[in-house]
């Protein structure tokens, strides 16, 4: 039975490819957007590793697509 509370975490590489599969942005611009509060906040897994909640990234992308059309 799948856990209904399970959250899928994705790393920076997967996040970048979700933002633009053809030409993913470098890691630094994504970090800057996070710092300015313009992108979803990552979840700290260990002191040196952060990941993003996939559903939050997908929602952010959909919100941006809605504003551009």
N, C-alpha and C. Protein backbone atom coordinates (compact mmCIF):
# COMPACT_ATOMS: atom_id res chain seq x y z
N UNK A 1 0.85 -1.19 0.00
CA UNK A 1 0.00 0.00 0.00
C UNK A 1 0.89 1.24 0.00
N UNK A 2 0.76 2.10 -1.00
CA UNK A 2 1.60 3.32 -1.04
C UNK A 2 1.23 4.27 0.09
N UNK A 3 2.23 4.96 0.56
CA UNK A 3 2.03 5.92 1.63
C UNK A 3 1.46 7.20 1.05
N UNK A 4 0.27 7.58 1.48
CA UNK A 4 -0.37 8.78 0.93
C UNK A 4 0.32 10.06 1.38
N UNK A 5 1.19 9.97 2.38
CA UNK A 5 1.90 11.15 2.88
C UNK A 5 3.32 11.24 2.32
N UNK A 6 3.69 10.31 1.46
CA UNK A 6 5.05 10.31 0.90
C UNK A 6 5.26 11.54 0.03
N UNK A 7 6.43 12.10 0.12
CA UNK A 7 6.80 13.27 -0.66
C UNK A 7 8.01 12.89 -1.50
N UNK A 8 7.97 13.20 -2.78
CA UNK A 8 9.10 12.90 -3.64
C UNK A 8 10.05 14.09 -3.66
N UNK A 9 11.30 13.82 -3.32
CA UNK A 9 12.32 14.85 -3.32
C UNK A 9 13.18 14.70 -4.57
N UNK A 10 13.57 15.84 -5.14
CA UNK A 10 14.43 15.83 -6.31
C UNK A 10 15.63 16.75 -6.06
N UNK A 11 16.75 16.40 -6.66
CA UNK A 11 17.97 17.19 -6.46
C UNK A 11 18.01 18.39 -7.41
N UNK A 12 19.09 19.16 -7.30
CA UNK A 12 19.23 20.35 -8.16
C UNK A 12 19.22 19.98 -9.63
N UNK A 13 19.91 18.90 -9.99
CA UNK A 13 19.98 18.50 -11.40
C UNK A 13 18.59 18.24 -11.97
N UNK A 14 17.79 17.47 -11.27
CA UNK A 14 16.43 17.17 -11.74
C UNK A 14 15.57 18.44 -11.76
N UNK A 15 15.76 19.29 -10.77
CA UNK A 15 15.01 20.55 -10.71
C UNK A 15 15.35 21.43 -11.91
N UNK A 16 16.62 21.53 -12.22
CA UNK A 16 17.04 22.34 -13.37
C UNK A 16 16.45 21.82 -14.66
N UNK A 17 16.40 20.50 -14.82
CA UNK A 17 15.85 19.92 -16.05
C UNK A 17 14.34 20.10 -16.11
N UNK A 18 13.66 20.16 -14.98
CA UNK A 18 12.23 20.45 -14.98
C UNK A 18 11.97 21.89 -15.42
N UNK A 19 12.88 22.79 -15.05
CA UNK A 19 12.71 24.20 -15.42
C UNK A 19 12.84 24.39 -16.92
N UNK A 20 13.77 23.70 -17.55
CA UNK A 20 13.95 23.78 -19.00
C UNK A 20 14.73 22.55 -19.45
N UNK A 21 14.03 21.58 -20.02
CA UNK A 21 14.66 20.33 -20.43
C UNK A 21 15.65 20.53 -21.58
N UNK A 22 15.40 21.49 -22.45
CA UNK A 22 16.27 21.71 -23.60
C UNK A 22 17.58 22.40 -23.21
N UNK A 23 17.47 23.39 -22.34
CA UNK A 23 18.66 24.13 -21.91
C UNK A 23 18.50 24.49 -20.44
N UNK A 24 18.79 23.52 -19.55
CA UNK A 24 18.60 23.79 -18.13
C UNK A 24 19.50 24.91 -17.63
N UNK A 25 18.99 25.75 -16.75
CA UNK A 25 19.82 26.83 -16.20
C UNK A 25 20.92 26.25 -15.31
N UNK A 26 21.98 27.00 -15.14
CA UNK A 26 23.05 26.59 -14.23
C UNK A 26 22.51 26.57 -12.80
N UNK A 27 23.24 25.95 -11.92
CA UNK A 27 22.81 25.85 -10.52
C UNK A 27 22.76 27.22 -9.84
N UNK A 28 23.72 28.07 -10.13
CA UNK A 28 23.82 29.36 -9.44
C UNK A 28 22.59 30.25 -9.62
N UNK A 29 22.04 30.39 -10.83
CA UNK A 29 20.82 31.20 -10.95
C UNK A 29 19.64 30.65 -10.14
N UNK A 30 19.56 29.34 -10.05
CA UNK A 30 18.50 28.73 -9.23
C UNK A 30 18.74 29.07 -7.76
N UNK A 31 19.98 28.98 -7.31
CA UNK A 31 20.31 29.35 -5.93
C UNK A 31 19.97 30.81 -5.65
N UNK A 32 20.23 31.68 -6.61
CA UNK A 32 19.91 33.11 -6.42
C UNK A 32 18.40 33.33 -6.31
N UNK A 33 17.63 32.62 -7.14
CA UNK A 33 16.17 32.75 -7.07
C UNK A 33 15.66 32.28 -5.72
N UNK A 34 16.23 31.21 -5.19
CA UNK A 34 15.84 30.71 -3.87
C UNK A 34 16.16 31.77 -2.82
N UNK A 35 17.35 32.33 -2.88
CA UNK A 35 17.78 33.34 -1.90
C UNK A 35 16.88 34.57 -1.92
N UNK A 36 16.43 34.98 -3.11
CA UNK A 36 15.55 36.15 -3.23
C UNK A 36 14.09 35.82 -2.93
N UNK A 37 13.79 34.55 -2.72
CA UNK A 37 12.41 34.15 -2.44
C UNK A 37 11.57 34.03 -3.69
N UNK A 38 12.20 33.92 -4.85
CA UNK A 38 11.48 33.83 -6.12
C UNK A 38 11.23 32.39 -6.56
N UNK A 39 11.78 31.44 -5.82
CA UNK A 39 11.63 30.03 -6.16
C UNK A 39 11.35 29.26 -4.87
N UNK A 40 10.87 28.05 -5.00
CA UNK A 40 10.53 27.25 -3.82
C UNK A 40 11.77 27.01 -2.95
N UNK A 41 11.56 26.92 -1.65
CA UNK A 41 12.66 26.69 -0.73
C UNK A 41 13.03 25.21 -0.71
N UNK A 42 14.31 24.91 -0.75
CA UNK A 42 14.73 23.51 -0.69
C UNK A 42 14.62 22.97 0.74
N UNK A 43 14.67 21.65 0.84
CA UNK A 43 14.65 20.96 2.12
C UNK A 43 16.06 20.48 2.41
N UNK A 44 16.58 20.82 3.57
CA UNK A 44 17.94 20.39 3.93
C UNK A 44 17.88 18.94 4.41
N UNK A 45 18.61 18.08 3.72
CA UNK A 45 18.65 16.66 4.05
C UNK A 45 19.80 16.36 5.00
N UNK A 46 20.95 16.91 4.70
CA UNK A 46 22.14 16.81 5.56
C UNK A 46 22.76 18.21 5.57
N UNK A 47 23.79 18.44 6.36
CA UNK A 47 24.40 19.77 6.36
C UNK A 47 24.89 20.24 4.99
N UNK A 48 25.22 19.30 4.08
CA UNK A 48 25.74 19.68 2.78
C UNK A 48 24.83 19.32 1.61
N UNK A 49 23.63 18.85 1.89
CA UNK A 49 22.75 18.40 0.79
C UNK A 49 21.35 18.96 0.98
N UNK A 50 20.84 19.57 -0.10
CA UNK A 50 19.46 20.05 -0.11
C UNK A 50 18.74 19.45 -1.31
N UNK A 51 17.44 19.30 -1.18
CA UNK A 51 16.62 18.79 -2.26
C UNK A 51 15.33 19.59 -2.30
N UNK A 52 14.61 19.46 -3.39
CA UNK A 52 13.35 20.16 -3.56
C UNK A 52 12.19 19.18 -3.54
N UNK A 53 11.04 19.63 -3.06
CA UNK A 53 9.83 18.82 -3.11
C UNK A 53 9.28 18.95 -4.52
N UNK A 54 9.19 17.82 -5.20
CA UNK A 54 8.82 17.82 -6.62
C UNK A 54 7.47 18.49 -6.87
N UNK A 55 6.49 18.24 -6.03
CA UNK A 55 5.17 18.83 -6.25
C UNK A 55 5.21 20.35 -6.14
N UNK A 56 6.08 20.89 -5.27
CA UNK A 56 6.21 22.35 -5.15
C UNK A 56 6.87 22.94 -6.40
N UNK A 57 7.87 22.24 -6.93
CA UNK A 57 8.53 22.69 -8.16
C UNK A 57 7.53 22.68 -9.31
N UNK A 58 6.75 21.58 -9.42
CA UNK A 58 5.75 21.48 -10.49
C UNK A 58 4.71 22.60 -10.38
N UNK A 59 4.27 22.89 -9.15
CA UNK A 59 3.28 23.95 -8.94
C UNK A 59 3.87 25.31 -9.32
N UNK A 60 5.13 25.55 -8.99
CA UNK A 60 5.79 26.81 -9.33
C UNK A 60 5.87 26.96 -10.85
N UNK A 61 6.22 25.88 -11.54
CA UNK A 61 6.32 25.93 -13.00
C UNK A 61 4.95 26.21 -13.62
N UNK A 62 3.92 25.55 -13.13
CA UNK A 62 2.57 25.77 -13.66
C UNK A 62 2.10 27.20 -13.41
N UNK A 63 2.43 27.75 -12.25
CA UNK A 63 2.07 29.13 -11.94
C UNK A 63 2.74 30.10 -12.92
N UNK A 64 4.01 29.85 -13.22
CA UNK A 64 4.74 30.70 -14.16
C UNK A 64 4.19 30.58 -15.57
N UNK A 65 3.82 29.37 -15.96
CA UNK A 65 3.24 29.17 -17.30
C UNK A 65 1.93 29.91 -17.43
N UNK A 66 1.13 29.91 -16.38
CA UNK A 66 -0.15 30.59 -16.39
C UNK A 66 -0.01 32.10 -16.57
N UNK A 67 1.06 32.68 -16.02
CA UNK A 67 1.27 34.11 -16.11
C UNK A 67 1.82 34.55 -17.46
N UNK A 68 2.44 33.64 -18.20
CA UNK A 68 3.06 34.00 -19.49
C UNK A 68 2.10 33.90 -20.64
N UNK A 69 1.02 33.17 -20.48
CA UNK A 69 0.12 32.97 -21.61
C UNK A 69 -0.92 34.05 -21.70
